[in-house]
Amino acid sequence: GILYMILKALEFIPLQEIPMQYHRVIKNSCNHLLSLQNEEGNFPMMEGYNVDDLVHWCHGAPGIIPFLLQCYEFYQEDRFLIAAEKAGDLVITKGVVKKGNNLCHGIAGNVYPLFNLYRVTGDEKWKIGGYCMANCTYIKEVQIKCAKHRDPTRKVIGTPDTIYSLMEGRMGLVVMYMDLLTDERMMRFPGYEI
């Protein structure tokens, strides 16, 4: 997350004014994060954590896609775009998560990275994927599975602990629906993307 913000901030500073050692540290950090991507396209929850089944905004491929796209736009290196698209493919195939419709670790949060990819590439695949993912927030069969999902971190099965919050509750879903009513290329993850 912080590297994304650093790269965004660097857009406002002439490159010649940034000491070279800072450039090296930032680029090496970006390269290191890129090296953590597995064959399927996911990223570990934390370094050394080899379980790669989490496809949530807060853990795994969805949340790193904006960073990879920012690296691609900043450094103009295709490898960052290739990694972002690989992560996007994973979001399409495994992004309908059972924790519900929230932004942090739910279906709504996985809509945004697909529209990020659409904004940068113009490829309709990502736009269609984003709308299909959003549709899952009201498909009865999906919602029944979410409601029955046993999550040991929740107080009540199928119900977010903070039911009306932006990140874990219904407000994030409302914001996603509002964003879908605008130009898809303008969608940004609430509270994160600039």
Protein backbone atom coordinates (compact mmCIF):
# COMPACT_ATOMS: atom_id res chain seq x y z
CA GLY A 1 0.00 0.00 0.00
CA ILE A 2 2.64 2.53 0.94
CA LEU A 3 4.64 1.98 -2.26
CA TYR A 4 1.55 2.86 -4.29
CA MET A 5 1.28 6.14 -2.37
CA ILE A 6 4.99 6.86 -2.80
CA LEU A 7 4.76 6.30 -6.56
CA LYS A 8 1.69 8.56 -6.74
CA ALA A 9 3.55 11.27 -4.82
CA LEU A 10 6.53 11.01 -7.18
CA GLU A 11 4.24 12.05 -10.03
CA PHE A 12 4.29 15.56 -8.55
CA ILE A 13 8.06 15.84 -8.11
CA PRO A 14 10.45 16.32 -11.03
CA LEU A 15 12.56 13.15 -11.28
CA GLN A 16 15.84 15.07 -11.30
CA GLU A 17 14.99 16.44 -7.84
CA ILE A 18 14.75 12.98 -6.26
CA PRO A 19 18.09 11.57 -5.03
CA MET A 20 19.18 8.47 -6.97
CA GLN A 21 19.48 6.34 -3.81
CA TYR A 22 15.75 6.87 -3.17
CA HIS A 23 14.95 5.77 -6.71
CA ARG A 24 16.97 2.59 -6.17
CA VAL A 25 15.25 1.75 -2.88
CA ILE A 26 11.79 2.33 -4.35
CA LYS A 27 12.49 0.36 -7.54
CA ASN A 28 14.10 -2.51 -5.60
CA SER A 29 11.05 -2.63 -3.34
CA CYS A 30 8.73 -2.73 -6.35
CA ASN A 31 10.82 -5.50 -7.90
CA HIS A 32 10.76 -7.48 -4.67
CA LEU A 33 6.97 -7.30 -4.41
CA LEU A 34 6.68 -8.37 -8.03
CA SER A 35 8.91 -11.39 -7.31
CA LEU A 36 6.40 -12.65 -4.73
CA GLN A 37 3.70 -13.36 -7.32
CA ASN A 38 3.03 -17.08 -7.69
CA GLU A 39 2.26 -19.04 -10.86
CA GLU A 40 -1.49 -18.61 -10.40
CA GLY A 41 -1.13 -14.83 -10.13
CA ASN A 42 -1.67 -14.41 -6.40
CA PHE A 43 0.50 -12.79 -3.77
CA PRO A 44 1.07 -14.03 -0.22
CA MET A 45 -0.77 -12.45 2.69
CA MET A 46 2.65 -11.71 4.14
CA GLU A 47 6.18 -12.64 3.20
CA GLY A 48 6.90 -16.26 4.05
CA TYR A 49 3.20 -17.17 4.18
CA ASN A 50 2.87 -19.82 1.51
CA VAL A 51 -0.89 -20.36 1.60
CA ASP A 52 -2.21 -18.53 -1.45
CA ASP A 53 -5.94 -19.08 -1.25
CA LEU A 54 -6.84 -15.54 -0.19
CA VAL A 55 -8.17 -13.47 -3.08
CA HIS A 56 -9.34 -10.43 -1.12
CA TRP A 57 -8.61 -6.73 -1.46
CA CYS A 58 -6.82 -6.85 1.89
CA HIS A 59 -4.89 -10.08 1.15
CA GLY A 60 -3.71 -11.24 -2.22
CA ALA A 61 -4.02 -10.27 -5.87
CA PRO A 62 -6.93 -7.78 -5.84
CA GLY A 63 -5.30 -5.22 -3.56
CA ILE A 64 -1.94 -5.26 -5.33
CA ILE A 65 -3.33 -4.63 -8.82
CA PRO A 66 -3.51 -0.81 -8.41
CA PHE A 67 0.12 -0.85 -7.24
CA LEU A 68 1.25 -2.95 -10.22
CA LEU A 69 -0.60 -0.65 -12.60
CA GLN A 70 0.99 2.38 -10.96
CA CYS A 71 4.42 0.74 -11.39
CA TYR A 72 3.60 0.13 -15.05
CA GLU A 73 2.55 3.74 -15.61
CA PHE A 74 5.50 5.17 -13.65
CA TYR A 75 8.31 2.94 -14.95
CA GLN A 76 6.77 2.11 -18.35
CA GLU A 77 7.81 -1.55 -17.99
CA ASP A 78 5.45 -4.16 -19.42
CA ARG A 79 6.32 -6.74 -16.77
CA PHE A 80 4.24 -4.81 -14.23
CA LEU A 81 1.23 -4.79 -16.56
CA ILE A 82 1.68 -8.51 -17.29
CA ALA A 83 1.71 -9.23 -13.55
CA ALA A 84 -1.38 -7.06 -13.01
CA GLU A 85 -3.25 -8.90 -15.78
CA LYS A 86 -2.23 -12.26 -14.34
CA ALA A 87 -3.56 -11.14 -10.96
CA GLY A 88 -6.72 -9.89 -12.69
CA ASP A 89 -7.29 -13.28 -14.28
CA LEU A 90 -7.12 -14.81 -10.80
CA VAL A 91 -9.64 -12.27 -9.49
CA ILE A 92 -12.03 -13.23 -12.29
CA THR A 93 -11.71 -16.96 -11.58
CA LYS A 94 -11.51 -16.93 -7.77
CA GLY A 95 -12.69 -13.49 -6.70
CA VAL A 96 -16.25 -14.42 -5.78
CA VAL A 97 -15.33 -14.87 -2.14
CA LYS A 98 -17.59 -16.29 0.56
CA LYS A 99 -17.07 -13.55 3.13
CA GLY A 100 -19.84 -11.48 1.59
CA ASN A 101 -20.18 -8.28 -0.38
CA ASN A 102 -17.85 -5.96 1.53
CA LEU A 103 -14.88 -4.01 0.19
CA CYS A 104 -12.11 -5.34 2.40
CA HIS A 105 -12.43 -9.09 1.92
CA GLY A 106 -15.58 -9.46 -0.11
CA ILE A 107 -16.94 -9.41 -3.61
CA ALA A 108 -17.38 -5.62 -3.88
CA GLY A 109 -13.69 -5.05 -3.19
CA ASN A 110 -12.77 -7.38 -6.03
CA VAL A 111 -14.79 -5.34 -8.54
CA TYR A 112 -12.44 -2.34 -8.36
CA PRO A 113 -9.19 -3.96 -9.55
CA LEU A 114 -10.95 -5.26 -12.65
CA PHE A 115 -12.07 -1.75 -13.55
CA ASN A 116 -8.52 -0.52 -12.79
CA LEU A 117 -7.28 -2.91 -15.45
CA TYR A 118 -9.98 -1.72 -17.84
CA ARG A 119 -8.99 1.91 -17.25
CA VAL A 120 -5.32 1.26 -18.02
CA THR A 121 -5.64 -1.28 -20.86
CA GLY A 122 -8.99 -0.43 -22.44
CA ASP A 123 -9.59 -4.18 -22.77
CA GLU A 124 -13.33 -4.93 -22.53
CA LYS A 125 -12.50 -8.24 -20.82
CA TRP A 126 -11.84 -6.36 -17.57
CA LYS A 127 -14.98 -4.22 -17.85
CA ILE A 128 -17.13 -7.31 -18.44
CA GLY A 129 -15.36 -9.10 -15.58
CA GLY A 130 -16.03 -6.15 -13.28
CA TYR A 131 -19.73 -6.11 -14.07
CA CYS A 132 -19.99 -9.90 -13.73
CA MET A 133 -18.29 -9.69 -10.33
CA ALA A 134 -20.68 -6.91 -9.28
CA ASN A 135 -23.64 -9.04 -10.39
CA CYS A 136 -22.57 -11.69 -7.88
CA THR A 137 -23.48 -9.29 -5.08
CA TYR A 138 -27.14 -9.97 -5.72
CA ILE A 139 -27.23 -13.47 -7.23
CA LYS A 140 -29.30 -15.51 -4.79
CA GLU A 141 -27.14 -18.67 -4.88
CA VAL A 142 -23.95 -16.69 -4.21
CA GLN A 143 -25.57 -14.78 -1.37
CA ILE A 144 -26.84 -18.00 0.26
CA LYS A 145 -23.29 -19.40 0.23
CA CYS A 146 -21.98 -16.18 1.76
CA ALA A 147 -24.66 -16.26 4.47
CA LYS A 148 -23.72 -19.82 5.42
CA HIS A 149 -19.95 -19.32 5.31
CA ARG A 150 -18.30 -20.12 8.62
CA ASP A 151 -15.68 -17.53 9.35
CA PRO A 152 -13.99 -18.02 12.72
CA THR A 153 -13.22 -14.30 12.93
CA ARG A 154 -16.91 -13.32 12.87
CA LYS A 155 -19.23 -13.13 15.85
CA VAL A 156 -22.29 -14.19 13.81
CA ILE A 157 -22.15 -16.54 10.80
CA GLY A 158 -22.75 -14.69 7.53
CA THR A 159 -22.94 -11.24 9.12
CA PRO A 160 -20.15 -8.66 9.23
CA ASP A 161 -19.23 -7.56 12.75
CA THR A 162 -19.52 -3.92 11.67
CA ILE A 163 -22.53 -4.29 9.42
CA TYR A 164 -22.78 -0.69 8.19
CA SER A 165 -19.08 0.18 7.89
CA LEU A 166 -17.36 1.18 4.66
CA MET A 167 -14.76 -1.57 4.56
CA GLU A 168 -16.52 -4.54 6.13
CA GLY A 169 -20.18 -3.66 5.93
CA ARG A 170 -22.95 -2.64 3.60
CA MET A 171 -21.74 0.91 3.02
CA GLY A 172 -18.92 -0.38 0.81
CA LEU A 173 -21.46 -2.18 -1.33
CA VAL A 174 -23.52 1.00 -1.65
CA VAL A 175 -20.41 2.95 -2.70
CA MET A 176 -19.57 0.28 -5.29
CA TYR A 177 -23.09 0.49 -6.75
CA MET A 178 -22.81 4.29 -6.90
CA ASP A 179 -19.45 4.00 -8.65
CA LEU A 180 -20.96 1.64 -11.22
CA LEU A 181 -23.41 4.41 -12.16
CA THR A 182 -20.51 6.65 -13.21
CA ASP A 183 -17.94 6.24 -15.96
CA GLU A 184 -16.16 2.93 -15.27
CA ARG A 185 -12.82 4.56 -16.03
CA MET A 186 -13.32 6.88 -13.06
CA MET A 187 -13.75 4.12 -10.49
CA ARG A 188 -11.21 4.22 -7.67
CA PHE A 189 -11.12 2.06 -4.55
CA PRO A 190 -12.66 4.16 -1.74
CA GLY A 191 -10.15 5.66 0.65
CA TYR A 192 -7.13 4.26 -1.18
CA GLU A 193 -6.72 5.17 -4.81
CA ILE A 194 -5.95 8.69 -5.87
